[in-house]
């Protein structure tokens, strides 16, 4: 009851920050030493991976939102039952 679930929003924020850092770090690395065709394939793969990871971060964020909404609903129902 006393836990502030909004603190959990730090998890997806930190994950997005890490994803951004990895994208910057890997953007040129994944194509190093490759011919043009392979470089394009690897760049596309990186973009796909980044997009999937960002979607995962959003799923985590939605999970936190659901926890908060559930807690509010519980508190509201508990308040009604105690009235």
C-alpha atoms as a PDB file:
ATOM      1  CA  UNK A   1       0.000   0.000   0.000  1.00  0.00           C
ATOM      2  CA  UNK A   2       2.769   2.486   0.801  1.00  0.00           C
ATOM      3  CA  UNK A   3       4.871   1.754  -2.275  1.00  0.00           C
ATOM      4  CA  UNK A   4       5.091   4.568  -4.840  1.00  0.00           C
ATOM      5  CA  UNK A   5       4.775   2.686  -8.128  1.00  0.00           C
ATOM      6  CA  UNK A   6       5.608   5.824 -10.121  1.00  0.00           C
ATOM      7  CA  UNK A   7       9.225   5.188  -9.134  1.00  0.00           C
ATOM      8  CA  UNK A   8       9.126   2.204 -11.489  1.00  0.00           C
ATOM      9  CA  UNK A   9       8.978   4.590 -14.454  1.00  0.00           C
ATOM     10  CA  UNK A  10      12.735   4.946 -13.979  1.00  0.00           C
ATOM     11  CA  UNK A  11      13.190   1.434 -15.390  1.00  0.00           C
ATOM     12  CA  UNK A  12      11.876   2.145 -18.920  1.00  0.00           C
ATOM     13  CA  UNK A  13      13.562   5.569 -18.892  1.00  0.00           C
ATOM     14  CA  UNK A  14      16.919   3.987 -18.063  1.00  0.00           C
ATOM     15  CA  UNK A  15      16.340   1.286 -20.676  1.00  0.00           C
ATOM     16  CA  UNK A  16      15.603   3.869 -23.396  1.00  0.00           C
ATOM     17  CA  UNK A  17      18.736   5.790 -22.402  1.00  0.00           C
ATOM     18  CA  UNK A  18      20.787   2.594 -22.684  1.00  0.00           C
ATOM     19  CA  UNK A  19      19.214   1.776 -26.072  1.00  0.00           C
ATOM     20  CA  UNK A  20      20.079   5.260 -27.346  1.00  0.00           C
ATOM     21  CA  UNK A  21      23.667   4.855 -26.153  1.00  0.00           C
ATOM     22  CA  UNK A  22      23.964   1.469 -27.855  1.00  0.00           C
ATOM     23  CA  UNK A  23      22.564   2.845 -31.095  1.00  0.00           C
ATOM     24  CA  UNK A  24      25.172   5.617 -31.125  1.00  0.00           C
ATOM     25  CA  UNK A  25      27.932   3.147 -30.262  1.00  0.00           C
ATOM     26  CA  UNK A  26      26.919   0.531 -32.827  1.00  0.00           C
ATOM     27  CA  UNK A  27      25.721   2.678 -35.733  1.00  0.00           C
ATOM     28  CA  UNK A  28      29.093   2.759 -37.465  1.00  0.00           C
ATOM     29  CA  UNK A  29      30.545  -0.351 -35.845  1.00  0.00           C
ATOM     30  CA  UNK A  30      28.069  -2.787 -37.423  1.00  0.00           C
ATOM     31  CA  UNK A  31      29.104  -1.746 -40.925  1.00  0.00           C
ATOM     32  CA  UNK A  32      32.855  -1.596 -40.363  1.00  0.00           C
ATOM     33  CA  UNK A  33      34.797  -3.654 -42.871  1.00  0.00           C
ATOM     34  CA  UNK A  34      31.713  -4.803 -44.786  1.00  0.00           C
ATOM     35  CA  UNK A  35      30.906  -4.331 -48.433  1.00  0.00           C
ATOM     36  CA  UNK A  36      27.969  -2.085 -49.266  1.00  0.00           C
ATOM     37  CA  UNK A  37      25.355  -4.851 -49.516  1.00  0.00           C
ATOM     38  CA  UNK A  38      26.313  -6.473 -46.222  1.00  0.00           C
ATOM     39  CA  UNK A  39      26.585  -3.070 -44.541  1.00  0.00           C
ATOM     40  CA  UNK A  40      23.020  -2.263 -45.589  1.00  0.00           C
ATOM     41  CA  UNK A  41      21.814  -5.596 -44.224  1.00  0.00           C
ATOM     42  CA  UNK A  42      23.541  -5.019 -40.887  1.00  0.00           C
ATOM     43  CA  UNK A  43      22.281  -1.430 -40.668  1.00  0.00           C
ATOM     44  CA  UNK A  44      18.726  -2.622 -41.304  1.00  0.00           C
ATOM     45  CA  UNK A  45      19.140  -5.340 -38.673  1.00  0.00           C
ATOM     46  CA  UNK A  46      20.347  -2.770 -36.144  1.00  0.00           C
ATOM     47  CA  UNK A  47      17.378  -0.484 -36.898  1.00  0.00           C
ATOM     48  CA  UNK A  48      15.017  -3.440 -36.447  1.00  0.00           C
ATOM     49  CA  UNK A  49      16.657  -4.423 -33.150  1.00  0.00           C
ATOM     50  CA  UNK A  50      16.530  -0.846 -31.856  1.00  0.00           C
ATOM     51  CA  UNK A  51      12.851  -0.546 -32.792  1.00  0.00           C
ATOM     52  CA  UNK A  52      12.078  -3.823 -30.998  1.00  0.00           C
ATOM     53  CA  UNK A  53      13.948  -2.721 -27.883  1.00  0.00           C
ATOM     54  CA  UNK A  54      12.116   0.617 -27.850  1.00  0.00           C
ATOM     55  CA  UNK A  55       8.832  -1.290 -28.112  1.00  0.00           C
ATOM     56  CA  UNK A  56       9.909  -3.408 -25.127  1.00  0.00           C
ATOM     57  CA  UNK A  57      10.602  -0.243 -23.148  1.00  0.00           C
ATOM     58  CA  UNK A  58       7.102   0.976 -23.984  1.00  0.00           C
ATOM     59  CA  UNK A  59       5.629  -2.359 -22.825  1.00  0.00           C
ATOM     60  CA  UNK A  60       7.429  -1.948 -19.504  1.00  0.00           C
ATOM     61  CA  UNK A  61       6.083   1.597 -19.227  1.00  0.00           C
ATOM     62  CA  UNK A  62       2.539   0.351 -19.944  1.00  0.00           C
ATOM     63  CA  UNK A  63       2.992  -2.291 -17.250  1.00  0.00           C
ATOM     64  CA  UNK A  64       3.874   0.396 -14.723  1.00  0.00           C
ATOM     65  CA  UNK A  65       0.834   2.402 -15.816  1.00  0.00           C
ATOM     66  CA  UNK A  66      -1.338  -0.684 -15.270  1.00  0.00           C
ATOM     67  CA  UNK A  67       0.099  -1.233 -11.794  1.00  0.00           C
ATOM     68  CA  UNK A  68      -0.672   2.366 -10.887  1.00  0.00           C
ATOM     69  CA  UNK A  69      -4.217   2.116 -12.253  1.00  0.00           C
ATOM     70  CA  UNK A  70      -4.774  -1.167 -10.390  1.00  0.00           C
ATOM     71  CA  UNK A  71      -3.545   0.337  -7.146  1.00  0.00           C
ATOM     72  CA  UNK A  72      -5.865   3.323  -7.552  1.00  0.00           C
ATOM     73  CA  UNK A  73      -8.814   1.039  -8.275  1.00  0.00           C
ATOM     74  CA  UNK A  74      -8.011  -1.068  -5.216  1.00  0.00           C
ATOM     75  CA  UNK A  75      -7.724   2.007  -3.007  1.00  0.00           C
ATOM     76  CA  UNK A  76     -11.016   3.346  -4.329  1.00  0.00           C
ATOM     77  CA  UNK A  77     -12.805   0.041  -3.722  1.00  0.00           C
ATOM     78  CA  UNK A  78     -11.222  -0.348  -0.299  1.00  0.00           C
ATOM     79  CA  UNK A  79     -12.384   3.163   0.564  1.00  0.00           C
ATOM     80  CA  UNK A  80     -15.929   2.350  -0.530  1.00  0.00           C
ATOM     81  CA  UNK A  81     -15.946  -0.893   1.460  1.00  0.00           C
ATOM     82  CA  UNK A  82     -14.769   0.933   4.565  1.00  0.00           C
ATOM     83  CA  UNK A  83     -17.422   3.647   4.249  1.00  0.00           C
END
